[in-house]
């Protein structure tokens, strides 16, 4: 592959990443609505720990730096919590 082809592949991967983030955000919004309907807290530390553990395992599976992957997931979780709180007026 030449440089342009490699850059095109990265561009496609970037689109896929954004699409997956959008899907994850949509599902997280659905989770937030269920939590609100059930009068549950926005934060679920046990679930967050499970997500982080799973992220670490997946990072190892794909030979990617686990700390980097966990940092990305921490950011995704925090962004979802901020949005959930703003929607609930917390």
PDB file of N, CA and C in Angstrom:
ATOM      1  N   UNK A   1       0.843  -1.190   0.000  1.00  0.00           N
ATOM      2  CA  UNK A   1       0.000   0.000   0.000  1.00  0.00           C
ATOM      3  C   UNK A   1       0.885   1.250   0.000  1.00  0.00           C
ATOM      4  N   UNK A   2       0.417   2.252  -0.706  1.00  0.00           N
ATOM      5  CA  UNK A   2       1.166   3.495  -0.677  1.00  0.00           C
ATOM      6  C   UNK A   2       0.584   4.407   0.410  1.00  0.00           C
ATOM      7  N   UNK A   3       1.196   5.539   0.596  1.00  0.00           N
ATOM      8  CA  UNK A   3       0.817   6.453   1.677  1.00  0.00           C
ATOM      9  C   UNK A   3      -0.631   6.914   1.553  1.00  0.00           C
ATOM     10  N   UNK A   4      -1.062   7.254   0.351  1.00  0.00           N
ATOM     11  CA  UNK A   4      -2.445   7.708   0.165  1.00  0.00           C
ATOM     12  C   UNK A   4      -3.443   6.616   0.518  1.00  0.00           C
ATOM     13  N   UNK A   5      -3.151   5.382   0.132  1.00  0.00           N
ATOM     14  CA  UNK A   5      -4.048   4.269   0.462  1.00  0.00           C
ATOM     15  C   UNK A   5      -4.111   4.039   1.966  1.00  0.00           C
ATOM     16  N   UNK A   6      -2.974   4.154   2.624  1.00  0.00           N
ATOM     17  CA  UNK A   6      -2.944   3.999   4.078  1.00  0.00           C
ATOM     18  C   UNK A   6      -3.746   5.104   4.757  1.00  0.00           C
ATOM     19  N   UNK A   7      -3.605   6.319   4.258  1.00  0.00           N
ATOM     20  CA  UNK A   7      -4.370   7.440   4.835  1.00  0.00           C
ATOM     21  C   UNK A   7      -5.864   7.267   4.605  1.00  0.00           C
ATOM     22  N   UNK A   8      -6.245   6.744   3.458  1.00  0.00           N
ATOM     23  CA  UNK A   8      -7.656   6.466   3.195  1.00  0.00           C
ATOM     24  C   UNK A   8      -8.183   5.407   4.153  1.00  0.00           C
ATOM     25  N   UNK A   9      -7.372   4.408   4.433  1.00  0.00           N
ATOM     26  CA  UNK A   9      -7.785   3.377   5.376  1.00  0.00           C
ATOM     27  C   UNK A   9      -7.968   3.962   6.778  1.00  0.00           C
ATOM     28  N   UNK A  10      -7.057   4.828   7.183  1.00  0.00           N
ATOM     29  CA  UNK A  10      -7.198   5.492   8.484  1.00  0.00           C
ATOM     30  C   UNK A  10      -8.466   6.333   8.513  1.00  0.00           C
ATOM     31  N   UNK A  11      -8.744   7.036   7.421  1.00  0.00           N
ATOM     32  CA  UNK A  11      -9.954   7.856   7.346  1.00  0.00           C
ATOM     33  C   UNK A  11     -11.209   6.994   7.522  1.00  0.00           C
ATOM     34  N   UNK A  12     -11.224   5.836   6.889  1.00  0.00           N
ATOM     35  CA  UNK A  12     -12.355   4.920   7.028  1.00  0.00           C
ATOM     36  C   UNK A  12     -12.481   4.404   8.460  1.00  0.00           C
ATOM     37  N   UNK A  13     -11.369   4.063   9.051  1.00  0.00           N
ATOM     38  CA  UNK A  13     -11.372   3.597  10.442  1.00  0.00           C
ATOM     39  C   UNK A  13     -11.878   4.698  11.362  1.00  0.00           C
ATOM     40  N   UNK A  14     -11.439   5.927  11.127  1.00  0.00           N
ATOM     41  CA  UNK A  14     -11.900   7.058  11.941  1.00  0.00           C
ATOM     42  C   UNK A  14     -13.420   7.218  11.851  1.00  0.00           C
ATOM     43  N   UNK A  15     -13.973   7.078  10.644  1.00  0.00           N
ATOM     44  CA  UNK A  15     -15.433   7.148  10.491  1.00  0.00           C
ATOM     45  C   UNK A  15     -16.101   6.034  11.295  1.00  0.00           C
ATOM     46  N   UNK A  16     -15.525   4.831  11.233  1.00  0.00           N
ATOM     47  CA  UNK A  16     -16.077   3.708  11.990  1.00  0.00           C
ATOM     48  C   UNK A  16     -16.044   3.982  13.492  1.00  0.00           C
ATOM     49  N   UNK A  17     -14.956   4.557  13.963  1.00  0.00           N
ATOM     50  CA  UNK A  17     -14.838   4.877  15.390  1.00  0.00           C
ATOM     51  C   UNK A  17     -15.919   5.863  15.797  1.00  0.00           C
ATOM     52  N   UNK A  18     -16.115   6.904  14.997  1.00  0.00           N
ATOM     53  CA  UNK A  18     -17.138   7.900  15.316  1.00  0.00           C
ATOM     54  C   UNK A  18     -18.523   7.266  15.293  1.00  0.00           C
ATOM     55  N   UNK A  19     -18.769   6.389  14.334  1.00  0.00           N
ATOM     56  CA  UNK A  19     -20.060   5.705  14.287  1.00  0.00           C
ATOM     57  C   UNK A  19     -20.276   4.860  15.541  1.00  0.00           C
ATOM     58  N   UNK A  20     -19.250   4.166  15.986  1.00  0.00           N
ATOM     59  CA  UNK A  20     -19.368   3.343  17.190  1.00  0.00           C
ATOM     60  C   UNK A  20     -19.577   4.201  18.434  1.00  0.00           C
ATOM     61  N   UNK A  21     -18.925   5.346  18.497  1.00  0.00           N
ATOM     62  CA  UNK A  21     -19.144   6.257  19.624  1.00  0.00           C
ATOM     63  C   UNK A  21     -20.588   6.740  19.622  1.00  0.00           C
ATOM     64  N   UNK A  22     -21.106   7.059  18.450  1.00  0.00           N
ATOM     65  CA  UNK A  22     -22.502   7.502  18.346  1.00  0.00           C
ATOM     66  C   UNK A  22     -23.454   6.396  18.802  1.00  0.00           C
ATOM     67  N   UNK A  23     -23.188   5.161  18.378  1.00  0.00           N
ATOM     68  CA  UNK A  23     -24.028   4.032  18.810  1.00  0.00           C
ATOM     69  C   UNK A  23     -23.959   3.843  20.310  1.00  0.00           C
ATOM     70  N   UNK A  24     -22.751   3.931  20.859  1.00  0.00           N
ATOM     71  CA  UNK A  24     -22.572   3.755  22.300  1.00  0.00           C
ATOM     72  C   UNK A  24     -23.325   4.851  23.061  1.00  0.00           C
ATOM     73  N   UNK A  25     -23.238   6.077  22.560  1.00  0.00           N
ATOM     74  CA  UNK A  25     -23.916   7.201  23.196  1.00  0.00           C
ATOM     75  C   UNK A  25     -25.425   7.012  23.153  1.00  0.00           C
ATOM     76  N   UNK A  26     -25.946   6.536  22.035  1.00  0.00           N
ATOM     77  CA  UNK A  26     -27.379   6.283  21.911  1.00  0.00           C
ATOM     78  C   UNK A  26     -27.837   5.260  22.948  1.00  0.00           C
ATOM     79  N   UNK A  27     -27.096   4.178  23.085  1.00  0.00           N
ATOM     80  CA  UNK A  27     -27.460   3.138  24.054  1.00  0.00           C
ATOM     81  C   UNK A  27     -27.316   3.673  25.478  1.00  0.00           C
ATOM     82  N   UNK A  28     -26.256   4.446  25.730  1.00  0.00           N
ATOM     83  CA  UNK A  28     -26.074   5.026  27.064  1.00  0.00           C
ATOM     84  C   UNK A  28     -27.231   5.968  27.406  1.00  0.00           C
ATOM     85  N   UNK A  29     -27.744   6.688  26.411  1.00  0.00           N
ATOM     86  CA  UNK A  29     -28.914   7.544  26.641  1.00  0.00           C
ATOM     87  C   UNK A  29     -30.133   6.706  27.012  1.00  0.00           C
ATOM     88  N   UNK A  30     -30.285   5.556  26.368  1.00  0.00           N
ATOM     89  CA  UNK A  30     -31.392   4.654  26.700  1.00  0.00           C
ATOM     90  C   UNK A  30     -31.246   4.134  28.123  1.00  0.00           C
ATOM     91  N   UNK A  31     -30.017   3.803  28.514  1.00  0.00           N
ATOM     92  CA  UNK A  31     -29.745   3.369  29.889  1.00  0.00           C
ATOM     93  C   UNK A  31     -30.131   4.479  30.859  1.00  0.00           C
ATOM     94  N   UNK A  32     -29.781   5.701  30.525  1.00  0.00           N
ATOM     95  CA  UNK A  32     -30.093   6.845  31.393  1.00  0.00           C
ATOM     96  C   UNK A  32     -31.603   6.999  31.568  1.00  0.00           C
ATOM     97  N   UNK A  33     -32.351   6.800  30.489  1.00  0.00           N
ATOM     98  CA  UNK A  33     -33.813   6.916  30.598  1.00  0.00           C
ATOM     99  C   UNK A  33     -34.382   5.824  31.504  1.00  0.00           C
ATOM    100  N   UNK A  34     -33.856   4.614  31.385  1.00  0.00           N
ATOM    101  CA  UNK A  34     -34.308   3.520  32.254  1.00  0.00           C
ATOM    102  C   UNK A  34     -33.973   3.841  33.707  1.00  0.00           C
ATOM    103  N   UNK A  35     -32.748   4.336  33.949  1.00  0.00           N
ATOM    104  CA  UNK A  35     -32.357   4.709  35.318  1.00  0.00           C
ATOM    105  C   UNK A  35     -33.286   5.778  35.873  1.00  0.00           C
ATOM    106  N   UNK A  36     -33.606   6.763  35.044  1.00  0.00           N
ATOM    107  CA  UNK A  36     -34.485   7.837  35.513  1.00  0.00           C
ATOM    108  C   UNK A  36     -35.880   7.305  35.816  1.00  0.00           C
ATOM    109  N   UNK A  37     -36.409   6.445  34.942  1.00  0.00           N
ATOM    110  CA  UNK A  37     -37.739   5.853  35.167  1.00  0.00           C
ATOM    111  C   UNK A  37     -37.780   5.039  36.449  1.00  0.00           C
ATOM    112  N   UNK A  38     -36.662   4.424  36.792  1.00  0.00           N
ATOM    113  CA  UNK A  38     -36.591   3.585  37.995  1.00  0.00           C
ATOM    114  C   UNK A  38     -36.040   4.347  39.196  1.00  0.00           C
ATOM    115  N   UNK A  39     -35.854   5.658  39.026  1.00  0.00           N
ATOM    116  CA  UNK A  39     -35.336   6.525  40.079  1.00  0.00           C
ATOM    117  C   UNK A  39     -33.990   6.015  40.613  1.00  0.00           C
ATOM    118  N   UNK A  40     -33.118   5.625  39.684  1.00  0.00           N
ATOM    119  CA  UNK A  40     -31.786   5.116  40.038  1.00  0.00           C
ATOM    120  C   UNK A  40     -30.761   6.236  39.889  1.00  0.00           C
ATOM    121  N   UNK A  41     -29.659   6.101  40.602  1.00  0.00           N
ATOM    122  CA  UNK A  41     -28.582   7.083  40.534  1.00  0.00           C
ATOM    123  C   UNK A  41     -27.941   7.075  39.151  1.00  0.00           C
ATOM    124  N   UNK A  42     -27.429   8.241  38.761  1.00  0.00           N
ATOM    125  CA  UNK A  42     -26.728   8.353  37.478  1.00  0.00           C
ATOM    126  C   UNK A  42     -25.472   7.502  37.487  1.00  0.00           C
ATOM    127  N   UNK A  43     -24.727   7.530  38.594  1.00  0.00           N
ATOM    128  CA  UNK A  43     -23.457   6.821  38.688  1.00  0.00           C
ATOM    129  C   UNK A  43     -23.658   5.425  39.257  1.00  0.00           C
ATOM    130  N   UNK A  44     -23.047   4.452  38.598  1.00  0.00           N
ATOM    131  CA  UNK A  44     -23.061   3.061  39.058  1.00  0.00           C
ATOM    132  C   UNK A  44     -21.606   2.594  39.052  1.00  0.00           C
ATOM    133  N   UNK A  45     -20.950   2.736  40.184  1.00  0.00           N
ATOM    134  CA  UNK A  45     -19.516   2.449  40.258  1.00  0.00           C
ATOM    135  C   UNK A  45     -19.190   0.998  39.933  1.00  0.00           C
ATOM    136  N   UNK A  46     -20.055   0.082  40.306  1.00  0.00           N
ATOM    137  CA  UNK A  46     -19.822  -1.333  40.007  1.00  0.00           C
ATOM    138  C   UNK A  46     -19.831  -1.566  38.496  1.00  0.00           C
ATOM    139  N   UNK A  47     -20.800  -0.961  37.816  1.00  0.00           N
ATOM    140  CA  UNK A  47     -20.881  -1.105  36.358  1.00  0.00           C
ATOM    141  C   UNK A  47     -19.689  -0.428  35.686  1.00  0.00           C
ATOM    142  N   UNK A  48     -19.288   0.734  36.183  1.00  0.00           N
ATOM    143  CA  UNK A  48     -18.130   1.430  35.623  1.00  0.00           C
ATOM    144  C   UNK A  48     -16.868   0.574  35.767  1.00  0.00           C
ATOM    145  N   UNK A  49     -16.713  -0.063  36.914  1.00  0.00           N
ATOM    146  CA  UNK A  49     -15.554  -0.935  37.124  1.00  0.00           C
ATOM    147  C   UNK A  49     -15.587  -2.108  36.150  1.00  0.00           C
ATOM    148  N   UNK A  50     -16.773  -2.654  35.903  1.00  0.00           N
ATOM    149  CA  UNK A  50     -16.903  -3.770  34.955  1.00  0.00           C
ATOM    150  C   UNK A  50     -16.544  -3.319  33.537  1.00  0.00           C
ATOM    151  N   UNK A  51     -16.971  -2.119  33.166  1.00  0.00           N
ATOM    152  CA  UNK A  51     -16.638  -1.582  31.845  1.00  0.00           C
ATOM    153  C   UNK A  51     -15.130  -1.415  31.706  1.00  0.00           C
ATOM    154  N   UNK A  52     -14.490  -0.888  32.745  1.00  0.00           N
ATOM    155  CA  UNK A  52     -13.049  -0.664  32.698  1.00  0.00           C
ATOM    156  C   UNK A  52     -12.297  -1.992  32.627  1.00  0.00           C
ATOM    157  N   UNK A  53     -12.756  -2.979  33.367  1.00  0.00           N
ATOM    158  CA  UNK A  53     -12.131  -4.304  33.332  1.00  0.00           C
ATOM    159  C   UNK A  53     -12.249  -4.899  31.928  1.00  0.00           C
ATOM    160  N   UNK A  54     -13.437  -4.801  31.369  1.00  0.00           N
ATOM    161  CA  UNK A  54     -13.672  -5.319  30.024  1.00  0.00           C
ATOM    162  C   UNK A  54     -12.810  -4.582  28.995  1.00  0.00           C
ATOM    163  N   UNK A  55     -12.683  -3.276  29.150  1.00  0.00           N
ATOM    164  CA  UNK A  55     -11.843  -2.482  28.237  1.00  0.00           C
ATOM    165  C   UNK A  55     -10.393  -2.956  28.303  1.00  0.00           C
ATOM    166  N   UNK A  56      -9.918  -3.215  29.511  1.00  0.00           N
ATOM    167  CA  UNK A  56      -8.554  -3.703  29.673  1.00  0.00           C
ATOM    168  C   UNK A  56      -8.340  -5.054  29.028  1.00  0.00           C
ATOM    169  N   UNK A  57      -9.301  -5.955  29.213  1.00  0.00           N
ATOM    170  CA  UNK A  57      -9.203  -7.285  28.591  1.00  0.00           C
ATOM    171  C   UNK A  57      -9.217  -7.181  27.068  1.00  0.00           C
ATOM    172  N   UNK A  58     -10.091  -6.333  26.542  1.00  0.00           N
ATOM    173  CA  UNK A  58     -10.154  -6.169  25.088  1.00  0.00           C
ATOM    174  C   UNK A  58      -8.875  -5.544  24.547  1.00  0.00           C
ATOM    175  N   UNK A  59      -8.305  -4.622  25.289  1.00  0.00           N
ATOM    176  CA  UNK A  59      -7.038  -4.017  24.865  1.00  0.00           C
ATOM    177  C   UNK A  59      -5.959  -5.090  24.754  1.00  0.00           C
ATOM    178  N   UNK A  60      -5.883  -5.933  25.754  1.00  0.00           N
ATOM    179  CA  UNK A  60      -4.889  -7.008  25.733  1.00  0.00           C
ATOM    180  C   UNK A  60      -5.151  -7.969  24.576  1.00  0.00           C
ATOM    181  N   UNK A  61      -6.401  -8.255  24.346  1.00  0.00           N
ATOM    182  CA  UNK A  61      -6.777  -9.174  23.266  1.00  0.00           C
ATOM    183  C   UNK A  61      -6.292  -8.656  21.915  1.00  0.00           C
ATOM    184  N   UNK A  62      -6.370  -7.345  21.719  1.00  0.00           N
ATOM    185  CA  UNK A  62      -5.976  -6.751  20.442  1.00  0.00           C
ATOM    186  C   UNK A  62      -4.590  -6.134  20.489  1.00  0.00           C
ATOM    187  N   UNK A  63      -3.852  -6.416  21.559  1.00  0.00           N
ATOM    188  CA  UNK A  63      -2.475  -5.941  21.703  1.00  0.00           C
ATOM    189  C   UNK A  63      -2.375  -4.422  21.579  1.00  0.00           C
ATOM    190  N   UNK A  64      -3.238  -3.743  22.330  1.00  0.00           N
ATOM    191  CA  UNK A  64      -3.255  -2.284  22.386  1.00  0.00           C
ATOM    192  C   UNK A  64      -2.967  -1.896  23.833  1.00  0.00           C
ATOM    193  N   UNK A  65      -2.319  -0.780  24.027  1.00  0.00           N
ATOM    194  CA  UNK A  65      -1.984  -0.306  25.367  1.00  0.00           C
ATOM    195  C   UNK A  65      -3.252  -0.183  26.219  1.00  0.00           C
ATOM    196  N   UNK A  66      -3.341  -0.973  27.284  1.00  0.00           N
ATOM    197  CA  UNK A  66      -4.530  -0.996  28.138  1.00  0.00           C
ATOM    198  C   UNK A  66      -4.777   0.339  28.812  1.00  0.00           C
ATOM    199  N   UNK A  67      -3.712   1.036  29.207  1.00  0.00           N
ATOM    200  CA  UNK A  67      -3.893   2.335  29.856  1.00  0.00           C
ATOM    201  C   UNK A  67      -4.525   3.348  28.906  1.00  0.00           C
ATOM    202  N   UNK A  68      -4.127   3.317  27.654  1.00  0.00           N
ATOM    203  CA  UNK A  68      -4.702   4.214  26.661  1.00  0.00           C
ATOM    204  C   UNK A  68      -6.176   3.898  26.455  1.00  0.00           C
ATOM    205  N   UNK A  69      -6.494   2.625  26.293  1.00  0.00           N
ATOM    206  CA  UNK A  69      -7.878   2.215  26.075  1.00  0.00           C
ATOM    207  C   UNK A  69      -8.732   2.590  27.289  1.00  0.00           C
ATOM    208  N   UNK A  70      -8.231   2.348  28.475  1.00  0.00           N
ATOM    209  CA  UNK A  70      -8.992   2.686  29.681  1.00  0.00           C
ATOM    210  C   UNK A  70      -9.197   4.194  29.792  1.00  0.00           C
ATOM    211  N   UNK A  71      -8.217   4.973  29.401  1.00  0.00           N
ATOM    212  CA  UNK A  71      -8.363   6.439  29.430  1.00  0.00           C
ATOM    213  C   UNK A  71      -9.481   6.877  28.485  1.00  0.00           C
ATOM    214  N   UNK A  72      -9.545   6.266  27.322  1.00  0.00           N
ATOM    215  CA  UNK A  72     -10.606   6.593  26.370  1.00  0.00           C
ATOM    216  C   UNK A  72     -11.965   6.222  26.954  1.00  0.00           C
ATOM    217  N   UNK A  73     -12.055   5.061  27.573  1.00  0.00           N
ATOM    218  CA  UNK A  73     -13.328   4.645  28.161  1.00  0.00           C
ATOM    219  C   UNK A  73     -13.721   5.509  29.354  1.00  0.00           C
ATOM    220  N   UNK A  74     -12.739   5.941  30.158  1.00  0.00           N
ATOM    221  CA  UNK A  74     -13.051   6.866  31.255  1.00  0.00           C
ATOM    222  C   UNK A  74     -13.682   8.136  30.701  1.00  0.00           C
ATOM    223  N   UNK A  75     -13.113   8.630  29.612  1.00  0.00           N
ATOM    224  CA  UNK A  75     -13.646   9.833  28.981  1.00  0.00           C
ATOM    225  C   UNK A  75     -15.073   9.599  28.474  1.00  0.00           C
ATOM    226  N   UNK A  76     -15.304   8.487  27.801  1.00  0.00           N
ATOM    227  CA  UNK A  76     -16.646   8.176  27.316  1.00  0.00           C
ATOM    228  C   UNK A  76     -17.649   8.085  28.465  1.00  0.00           C
ATOM    229  N   UNK A  77     -17.263   7.422  29.540  1.00  0.00           N
ATOM    230  CA  UNK A  77     -18.150   7.285  30.702  1.00  0.00           C
ATOM    231  C   UNK A  77     -18.446   8.652  31.302  1.00  0.00           C
ATOM    232  N   UNK A  78     -17.417   9.464  31.492  1.00  0.00           N
ATOM    233  CA  UNK A  78     -17.620  10.790  32.081  1.00  0.00           C
ATOM    234  C   UNK A  78     -18.509  11.662  31.207  1.00  0.00           C
ATOM    235  N   UNK A  79     -18.315  11.612  29.894  1.00  0.00           N
ATOM    236  CA  UNK A  79     -19.156  12.390  28.989  1.00  0.00           C
ATOM    237  C   UNK A  79     -20.608  11.935  29.074  1.00  0.00           C
ATOM    238  N   UNK A  80     -20.841  10.624  29.152  1.00  0.00           N
ATOM    239  CA  UNK A  80     -22.205  10.113  29.300  1.00  0.00           C
ATOM    240  C   UNK A  80     -22.825  10.560  30.617  1.00  0.00           C
ATOM    241  N   UNK A  81     -22.053  10.537  31.696  1.00  0.00           N
ATOM    242  CA  UNK A  81     -22.578  10.956  32.998  1.00  0.00           C
ATOM    243  C   UNK A  81     -22.925  12.435  32.993  1.00  0.00           C
ATOM    244  N   UNK A  82     -22.083  13.246  32.384  1.00  0.00           N
ATOM    245  CA  UNK A  82     -22.360  14.686  32.309  1.00  0.00           C
ATOM    246  C   UNK A  82     -23.661  14.926  31.559  1.00  0.00           C
ATOM    247  N   UNK A  83     -23.827  14.239  30.439  1.00  0.00           N
ATOM    248  CA  UNK A  83     -25.057  14.395  29.659  1.00  0.00           C
ATOM    249  C   UNK A  83     -26.274  13.902  30.444  1.00  0.00           C
ATOM    250  N   UNK A  84     -26.140  12.773  31.132  1.00  0.00           N
ATOM    251  CA  UNK A  84     -27.250  12.244  31.928  1.00  0.00           C
ATOM    252  C   UNK A  84     -27.655  13.230  33.022  1.00  0.00           C
ATOM    253  N   UNK A  85     -26.665  13.797  33.682  1.00  0.00           N
ATOM    254  CA  UNK A  85     -26.964  14.744  34.765  1.00  0.00           C
ATOM    255  C   UNK A  85     -27.627  15.992  34.234  1.00  0.00           C
ATOM    256  N   UNK A  86     -27.169  16.487  33.092  1.00  0.00           N
ATOM    257  CA  UNK A  86     -27.756  17.709  32.543  1.00  0.00           C
ATOM    258  C   UNK A  86     -29.202  17.464  32.118  1.00  0.00           C
ATOM    259  N   UNK A  87     -29.489  16.286  31.583  1.00  0.00           N
ATOM    260  CA  UNK A  87     -30.848  15.960  31.182  1.00  0.00           C
ATOM    261  C   UNK A  87     -31.767  15.796  32.382  1.00  0.00           C
ATOM    262  N   UNK A  88     -31.220  15.314  33.487  1.00  0.00           N
ATOM    263  CA  UNK A  88     -32.014  15.094  34.698  1.00  0.00           C
ATOM    264  C   UNK A  88     -32.107  16.341  35.549  1.00  0.00           C
ATOM    265  N   UNK A  89     -31.249  17.310  35.266  1.00  0.00           N
ATOM    266  CA  UNK A  89     -31.241  18.520  36.084  1.00  0.00           C
ATOM    267  C   UNK A  89     -30.539  18.330  37.404  1.00  0.00           C
ATOM    268  N   UNK A  90     -29.640  17.313  37.476  1.00  0.00           N
ATOM    269  CA  UNK A  90     -28.892  17.053  38.723  1.00  0.00           C
ATOM    270  C   UNK A  90     -27.845  18.114  38.949  1.00  0.00           C
TER     271      UNK A  90
END
